[in-house]
Amino acid sequence: MTYYVKMISFIPGIILFFWTILYIAWANPQEDSSKKLKSPPDQKKSAYKIPKLPEGPLGEVILLGQKLVENTSSDPLSKNYVGNSLNCTSCHLKNGTDPRAATFIGVATAYPAWSPRENRVITLEDRILNCFMRSCNGIRPPLGSRPSVAIASYITWLSEDQKIKQNAKTSQGPFAIPKLKIKSNKIDLSLGKKLYLTKCASCHAKNGSGRNDNPPVWGNQSYNDGAGLANTPKLAAWLKVAMPLDEPTLTEEESLAIAAYVNSNPRPRFVLSDHLPPPDKIGEYNFDPSKSKK
């Protein structure tokens, strides 16, 4: 009898213990680690998980954006705004999902952002449309147009679950390409040409015109001199993390020398007025009366 009395006396304590455990679990739920991205995932063993595609029209527009990023110069919806052979994915590798080479991951969290080049705060759409003028050497699509909204939707989707942190210093995302540590005032063009011919020409041709699916790196079909990559230190930093494709092995010195040689060759000159649309095409009201319920 004494034994049972002692056992019964323990029951309230046991119940209290389990209730405490349940409360702690309820008050501190475990976050899904697949939805967190504290820093850029490693290039060879990516921890980044592509978000789940939303259903309905939004998902369709995101897929359209991905398609335009991959086929910017050839897709009927975007090709009329492109003046060369480059696509968005020519610089933003793997449609912007490469974690190091101008990644789109997290980019949308930085906007609206301050842009030193435009000397004003710009939106993500502004940044995209400026690339059409500079990197694609084309005409700025209308703000709010289908290609503009689709590409912005795709980039924003790749930033899902990231913390918003608007950039007050420059129009770059949280995982922007780091600058090179070496100084750019000592550039050896002869070394750059030699390295280009041995490490780059097999894909981009000796004359820089590109080969097969590999884009041209100078000439009329490449980016103009108003593009970001026309800045030699920026191109060098990109080369360091991106080339050779899938196995970037260039040193900082090699990257800088190749970048200097590439940018020493002719390319289109950027004149802003040549790349702006007519005043009535600057923007559009994206309303589709055929699908309106009112």
Protein backbone atom coordinates (compact mmCIF):
# COMPACT_ATOMS: atom_id res chain seq x y z
CA MET A 1 0.00 0.00 0.00
CA THR A 2 2.82 2.37 0.91
CA TYR A 3 4.36 1.64 -2.51
CA TYR A 4 1.21 2.74 -4.40
CA VAL A 5 0.91 5.86 -2.28
CA LYS A 6 4.48 6.82 -3.19
CA MET A 7 3.84 6.17 -6.90
CA ILE A 8 0.70 8.30 -6.89
CA SER A 9 2.60 11.14 -5.23
CA PHE A 10 5.00 11.25 -8.24
CA ILE A 11 2.21 11.63 -10.83
CA PRO A 12 1.70 15.43 -10.49
CA GLY A 13 5.43 15.97 -10.94
CA ILE A 14 5.53 13.77 -14.04
CA ILE A 15 2.55 15.57 -15.56
CA LEU A 16 4.14 18.94 -14.84
CA PHE A 17 7.40 17.80 -16.51
CA PHE A 18 5.69 16.76 -19.75
CA TRP A 19 3.55 19.90 -19.82
CA THR A 20 6.76 21.96 -19.51
CA ILE A 21 8.36 20.11 -22.44
CA LEU A 22 5.24 20.66 -24.59
CA TYR A 23 5.14 24.35 -23.74
CA ILE A 24 8.79 24.87 -24.66
CA ALA A 25 8.27 23.10 -27.98
CA TRP A 26 5.20 25.22 -28.71
CA ALA A 27 6.82 28.51 -27.71
CA ASN A 28 10.06 27.85 -29.65
CA PRO A 29 9.17 26.06 -32.89
CA GLN A 30 12.06 24.77 -34.98
CA GLU A 31 12.55 26.77 -38.18
CA ASP A 32 12.82 24.99 -41.48
CA SER A 33 16.54 25.20 -42.19
CA SER A 34 15.93 24.78 -45.90
CA LYS A 35 14.29 28.21 -45.90
CA LYS A 36 17.27 30.02 -44.37
CA LEU A 37 20.22 31.42 -46.24
CA LYS A 38 22.58 33.29 -43.95
CA SER A 39 25.36 33.62 -46.53
CA PRO A 40 26.01 32.72 -50.18
CA PRO A 41 26.06 28.94 -50.57
CA ASP A 42 29.30 27.33 -51.68
CA GLN A 43 29.57 27.12 -55.47
CA LYS A 44 30.35 23.40 -55.62
CA LYS A 45 27.99 22.30 -52.86
CA SER A 46 25.06 24.68 -52.99
CA ALA A 47 22.84 24.89 -49.91
CA TYR A 48 20.37 27.14 -51.71
CA LYS A 49 16.98 25.64 -52.27
CA ILE A 50 14.87 26.96 -55.13
CA PRO A 51 11.61 28.28 -53.65
CA LYS A 52 8.32 26.59 -54.35
CA LEU A 53 6.67 28.12 -57.38
CA PRO A 54 3.42 29.95 -56.55
CA GLU A 55 0.27 28.69 -58.20
CA GLY A 56 -1.77 30.59 -60.73
CA PRO A 57 -0.86 33.69 -62.75
CA LEU A 58 2.02 34.71 -60.47
CA GLY A 59 3.78 31.38 -61.01
CA GLU A 60 3.26 31.72 -64.75
CA VAL A 61 4.80 35.19 -64.78
CA ILE A 62 7.79 33.98 -62.73
CA LEU A 63 8.41 31.19 -65.26
CA LEU A 64 8.12 33.74 -68.06
CA GLY A 65 10.74 35.85 -66.29
CA GLN A 66 13.08 32.87 -66.05
CA LYS A 67 12.59 32.24 -69.76
CA LEU A 68 13.40 35.87 -70.62
CA VAL A 69 16.52 35.82 -68.44
CA GLU A 70 17.76 32.79 -70.36
CA ASN A 71 16.72 33.91 -73.86
CA THR A 72 16.71 37.70 -73.63
CA SER A 73 18.10 38.31 -77.11
CA SER A 74 15.86 35.81 -78.90
CA ASP A 75 12.51 35.67 -77.10
CA PRO A 76 9.80 37.58 -79.03
CA LEU A 77 8.78 39.44 -75.87
CA SER A 78 12.24 40.90 -75.16
CA LYS A 79 14.37 40.69 -78.30
CA ASN A 80 13.21 44.04 -79.69
CA TYR A 81 14.75 45.73 -76.65
CA VAL A 82 18.14 44.03 -77.11
CA GLY A 83 20.86 45.38 -79.40
CA ASN A 84 23.43 42.59 -79.19
CA SER A 85 23.81 38.83 -78.68
CA LEU A 86 23.83 38.82 -74.87
CA ASN A 87 21.23 37.38 -72.53
CA CYS A 88 20.79 38.14 -68.84
CA THR A 89 22.29 34.74 -68.06
CA SER A 90 25.47 35.67 -69.98
CA CYS A 91 26.53 37.61 -66.88
CA HIS A 92 24.15 36.29 -64.22
CA LEU A 93 25.19 32.67 -64.66
CA LYS A 94 22.70 29.80 -64.48
CA ASN A 95 19.82 32.26 -64.82
CA GLY A 96 21.01 34.09 -61.74
CA THR A 97 21.11 31.03 -59.47
CA ASP A 98 24.91 30.69 -59.49
CA PRO A 99 25.70 31.75 -55.93
CA ARG A 100 28.79 33.79 -56.81
CA ALA A 101 28.69 35.08 -60.39
CA ALA A 102 26.34 38.09 -60.18
CA THR A 103 23.70 36.01 -58.39
CA PHE A 104 20.05 37.04 -58.27
CA ILE A 105 19.66 35.32 -54.89
CA GLY A 106 18.64 37.93 -52.35
CA VAL A 107 18.91 40.82 -54.80
CA ALA A 108 15.29 41.95 -54.42
CA THR A 109 15.81 42.51 -50.68
CA ALA A 110 18.13 45.47 -51.41
CA TYR A 111 15.57 47.54 -53.35
CA PRO A 112 14.59 50.33 -53.56
CA ALA A 113 18.29 51.21 -53.34
CA TRP A 114 20.56 54.18 -53.81
CA SER A 115 22.26 54.22 -57.22
CA PRO A 116 25.41 56.37 -57.45
CA ARG A 117 25.35 56.13 -61.26
CA GLU A 118 21.81 57.51 -61.57
CA ASN A 119 22.31 59.71 -58.50
CA ARG A 120 18.91 58.74 -57.15
CA VAL A 121 17.01 55.93 -55.45
CA ILE A 122 15.90 53.30 -57.95
CA THR A 123 13.61 50.27 -57.90
CA LEU A 124 14.43 46.72 -58.93
CA GLU A 125 12.58 47.29 -62.19
CA ASP A 126 14.69 50.39 -62.87
CA ARG A 127 17.84 48.33 -62.39
CA ILE A 128 16.64 45.64 -64.76
CA LEU A 129 15.67 48.11 -67.48
CA ASN A 130 19.00 49.91 -67.20
CA CYS A 131 20.72 46.60 -68.01
CA PHE A 132 18.78 46.46 -71.28
CA MET A 133 20.32 49.82 -72.22
CA ARG A 134 23.87 49.03 -71.15
CA SER A 135 24.75 45.33 -70.98
CA CYS A 136 22.30 44.43 -73.76
CA ASN A 137 23.08 47.65 -75.70
CA GLY A 138 19.39 48.05 -76.42
CA ILE A 139 16.35 50.20 -75.74
CA ARG A 140 14.87 50.54 -72.25
CA PRO A 141 11.61 48.57 -72.09
CA PRO A 142 8.59 50.43 -70.69
CA LEU A 143 8.29 50.39 -66.90
CA GLY A 144 5.45 48.05 -66.00
CA SER A 145 5.65 46.17 -69.32
CA ARG A 146 5.36 42.38 -69.45
CA PRO A 147 9.13 41.70 -69.77
CA SER A 148 9.92 44.20 -67.03
CA VAL A 149 7.40 42.76 -64.57
CA ALA A 150 8.23 39.15 -65.46
CA ILE A 151 11.98 39.49 -64.87
CA ALA A 152 11.39 41.45 -61.65
CA SER A 153 8.99 38.73 -60.47
CA TYR A 154 11.55 36.02 -61.18
CA ILE A 155 14.34 37.84 -59.32
CA THR A 156 12.02 38.59 -56.39
CA TRP A 157 11.00 34.92 -56.24
CA LEU A 158 14.67 33.94 -55.92
CA SER A 159 14.87 36.27 -52.92
CA GLU A 160 12.05 34.53 -51.06
CA ASP A 161 12.64 34.04 -47.30
CA GLN A 162 15.51 36.53 -47.33
CA LYS A 163 15.56 39.42 -44.88
CA ILE A 164 14.86 42.84 -46.39
CA LYS A 165 17.85 45.15 -46.11
CA GLN A 166 17.64 48.12 -48.46
CA ASN A 167 21.02 49.26 -49.74
CA ALA A 168 21.68 52.92 -48.96
CA LYS A 169 25.14 52.93 -50.59
CA THR A 170 24.82 51.17 -53.94
CA SER A 171 22.33 49.21 -56.02
CA GLN A 172 23.70 45.76 -55.15
CA GLY A 173 22.27 42.73 -53.39
CA PRO A 174 23.63 41.16 -50.21
CA PHE A 175 25.75 38.61 -52.09
CA ALA A 176 27.37 40.98 -54.58
CA ILE A 177 30.70 40.02 -56.11
CA PRO A 178 33.54 41.10 -53.79
CA LYS A 179 36.14 43.52 -55.09
CA LEU A 180 39.63 42.24 -55.84
CA LYS A 181 42.26 42.89 -53.20
CA ILE A 182 45.01 43.82 -55.65
CA LYS A 183 45.35 47.34 -57.01
CA SER A 184 44.32 47.98 -60.59
CA ASN A 185 46.92 50.62 -61.42
CA LYS A 186 49.48 48.08 -62.68
CA ILE A 187 47.99 46.34 -65.68
CA ASP A 188 49.95 44.26 -68.18
CA LEU A 189 47.98 44.17 -71.45
CA SER A 190 50.49 41.84 -73.11
CA LEU A 191 49.99 39.33 -70.29
CA GLY A 192 46.24 39.79 -70.59
CA LYS A 193 46.31 39.00 -74.32
CA LYS A 194 48.46 35.92 -73.73
CA LEU A 195 46.15 34.66 -70.99
CA TYR A 196 43.06 35.36 -73.09
CA LEU A 197 44.40 33.35 -76.01
CA THR A 198 45.31 30.38 -73.82
CA LYS A 199 42.39 30.40 -71.36
CA CYS A 200 39.46 32.16 -73.07
CA ALA A 201 39.71 32.08 -76.87
CA SER A 202 38.60 28.46 -77.21
CA CYS A 203 35.13 29.52 -76.04
CA HIS A 204 34.96 33.22 -76.91
CA ALA A 205 37.09 33.19 -80.11
CA LYS A 206 40.38 34.94 -80.76
CA ASN A 207 38.55 38.02 -82.03
CA GLY A 208 36.18 38.10 -79.03
CA SER A 209 33.11 37.37 -81.15
CA GLY A 210 32.01 34.33 -79.14
CA ARG A 211 31.59 30.74 -80.20
CA ASN A 212 28.58 28.41 -80.07
CA ASP A 213 26.60 29.39 -76.96
CA ASN A 214 29.47 31.38 -75.46
CA PRO A 215 28.83 35.13 -75.68
CA PRO A 216 30.94 37.74 -77.47
CA VAL A 217 33.18 39.71 -75.11
CA TRP A 218 33.90 42.69 -77.35
CA GLY A 219 32.70 44.08 -80.67
CA ASN A 220 29.25 45.23 -81.78
CA GLN A 221 27.50 42.19 -80.33
CA SER A 222 28.88 42.63 -76.81
CA TYR A 223 28.08 45.05 -73.98
CA ASN A 224 28.62 48.75 -74.56
CA ASP A 225 31.06 50.98 -72.68
CA GLY A 226 28.32 52.13 -70.31
CA ALA A 227 27.83 48.65 -68.87
CA GLY A 228 29.13 47.66 -65.47
CA LEU A 229 31.55 45.13 -66.94
CA ALA A 230 33.13 47.86 -69.06
CA ASN A 231 34.71 48.90 -65.79
CA THR A 232 37.90 46.81 -65.72
CA PRO A 233 38.07 46.16 -61.93
CA LYS A 234 34.42 45.05 -61.98
CA LEU A 235 34.99 42.72 -64.92
CA ALA A 236 38.10 41.35 -63.20
CA ALA A 237 36.14 40.62 -60.02
CA TRP A 238 33.48 38.83 -62.08
CA LEU A 239 36.07 36.76 -63.95
CA LYS A 240 37.63 35.72 -60.65
CA VAL A 241 34.43 34.02 -59.47
CA ALA A 242 32.99 32.96 -62.83
CA MET A 243 35.67 31.80 -65.26
CA PRO A 244 36.51 29.27 -66.56
CA LEU A 245 32.86 28.29 -66.53
CA ASP A 246 31.92 25.96 -63.65
CA GLU A 247 35.56 25.79 -62.51
CA PRO A 248 36.77 29.33 -61.73
CA THR A 249 40.51 29.06 -61.18
CA LEU A 250 41.89 32.45 -62.24
CA THR A 251 44.10 34.32 -59.82
CA GLU A 252 43.43 37.98 -59.09
CA GLU A 253 46.40 38.98 -61.23
CA GLU A 254 45.20 36.85 -64.15
CA SER A 255 41.63 38.13 -63.80
CA LEU A 256 42.76 41.75 -63.87
CA ALA A 257 45.07 41.25 -66.84
CA ILE A 258 42.40 39.46 -68.90
CA ALA A 259 39.76 42.06 -67.99
CA ALA A 260 42.07 44.88 -69.06
CA TYR A 261 42.79 43.19 -72.39
CA VAL A 262 39.12 42.43 -73.07
CA ASN A 263 38.08 46.02 -72.33
CA SER A 264 40.92 47.44 -74.43
CA ASN A 265 39.17 46.15 -77.53
CA PRO A 266 36.44 48.05 -79.42
CA ARG A 267 32.85 47.95 -78.23
CA PRO A 268 29.75 50.11 -78.75
CA ARG A 269 29.77 53.57 -77.19
CA PHE A 270 26.98 54.34 -74.73
CA VAL A 271 24.98 57.50 -75.41
CA LEU A 272 21.97 57.65 -73.10
CA SER A 273 19.66 59.37 -75.57
CA ASP A 274 20.19 56.54 -78.06
CA HIS A 275 18.85 53.97 -75.59
CA LEU A 276 15.79 55.71 -74.21
CA PRO A 277 12.35 54.94 -75.70
CA PRO A 278 10.02 57.67 -76.97
CA PRO A 279 8.32 59.63 -74.16
CA ASP A 280 5.05 57.74 -74.64
CA LYS A 281 6.88 54.41 -74.14
CA ILE A 282 8.67 55.19 -70.87
CA GLY A 283 6.02 53.32 -68.91
CA GLU A 284 2.67 51.65 -69.31
CA TYR A 285 -0.38 50.94 -67.22
CA ASN A 286 -0.39 47.15 -67.01
CA PHE A 287 -4.15 46.67 -67.16
CA ASP A 288 -5.67 43.90 -69.26
CA PRO A 289 -9.34 44.75 -69.92
CA SER A 290 -9.96 41.29 -71.41
CA LYS A 291 -9.30 39.69 -68.02
CA SER A 292 -10.85 42.36 -65.82
CA LYS A 293 -13.81 41.40 -63.62
CA LYS A 294 -15.00 45.00 -63.38
